[in-house]
Amino acid sequence: MASNSTPAHAADHGDTTISSAMDYAAHEAMYRRFTGLVKWGIIGAVVLVLFLFVAIHPMLTAPAS
């Protein structure tokens, strides 16, 4: 028969509540830094792709005959 004890994989992980001692100013600063890096990374990737398209595309670089 099945036992009523807690399985080993469902162990107690301690207190999982979020305390109010969290440093919200540091958290918001890190979030702004992260979103800024993502934004500039995407802009940089788009600029690189556009540059490579213009530099490599044969219709744009070859003279028309």
Protein backbone atom coordinates (compact mmCIF):
# COMPACT_ATOMS: atom_id res chain seq x y z
CA MET A 1 0.00 0.00 0.00
CA ALA A 2 0.99 3.60 -0.43
CA SER A 3 2.56 5.31 2.54
CA ASN A 4 1.62 8.77 3.76
CA SER A 5 5.21 9.94 4.26
CA THR A 6 6.72 12.74 2.18
CA PRO A 7 8.74 11.47 -0.79
CA ALA A 8 12.48 12.18 -0.84
CA HIS A 9 12.20 14.43 -3.92
CA ALA A 10 9.71 16.69 -2.12
CA ALA A 11 12.15 17.69 0.61
CA ASP A 12 11.68 20.80 2.71
CA HIS A 13 13.47 23.70 1.04
CA GLY A 14 13.23 26.03 3.99
CA ASP A 15 11.59 29.43 3.98
CA THR A 16 10.66 30.40 0.41
CA THR A 17 9.03 33.74 1.19
CA ILE A 18 10.53 36.96 -0.15
CA SER A 19 11.67 39.23 2.61
CA SER A 20 11.36 42.99 2.54
CA ALA A 21 15.09 43.26 3.16
CA MET A 22 15.67 43.04 -0.60
CA ASP A 23 17.71 45.93 -1.99
CA TYR A 24 15.21 47.33 -4.48
CA ALA A 25 17.46 50.19 -5.59
CA ALA A 26 20.23 47.76 -6.58
CA HIS A 27 17.67 45.47 -8.21
CA GLU A 28 16.23 48.30 -10.33
CA ALA A 29 19.72 49.54 -11.27
CA MET A 30 20.73 46.06 -12.43
CA TYR A 31 17.48 45.68 -14.39
CA ARG A 32 18.06 49.02 -16.15
CA ARG A 33 21.64 48.01 -16.96
CA PHE A 34 20.48 44.65 -18.32
CA THR A 35 17.71 46.13 -20.49
CA GLY A 36 20.10 48.80 -21.77
CA LEU A 37 22.65 46.17 -22.78
CA VAL A 38 19.96 44.12 -24.51
CA LYS A 39 18.71 47.20 -26.37
CA TRP A 40 22.17 48.24 -27.57
CA GLY A 41 23.07 44.65 -28.41
CA ILE A 42 20.02 44.36 -30.67
CA ILE A 43 20.73 47.74 -32.29
CA GLY A 44 24.36 46.72 -32.86
CA ALA A 45 23.34 43.41 -34.40
CA VAL A 46 20.88 45.12 -36.77
CA VAL A 47 23.52 47.67 -37.83
CA LEU A 48 26.02 44.86 -38.44
CA VAL A 49 23.54 42.87 -40.54
CA LEU A 50 22.64 45.95 -42.60
CA PHE A 51 26.32 46.77 -43.13
CA LEU A 52 27.09 43.23 -44.24
CA PHE A 53 24.08 43.21 -46.57
CA VAL A 54 25.22 46.43 -48.26
CA ALA A 55 28.88 45.34 -48.37
CA ILE A 56 28.25 41.83 -49.74
CA HIS A 57 25.08 42.08 -51.83
CA PRO A 58 26.14 41.80 -55.53
CA MET A 59 23.37 44.01 -56.93
CA LEU A 60 24.43 46.92 -54.77
CA THR A 61 28.19 46.62 -55.28
CA ALA A 62 28.47 45.60 -58.97
CA PRO A 63 28.10 48.28 -61.64
CA ALA A 64 25.03 47.91 -63.84
CA SER A 65 25.80 46.82 -67.43
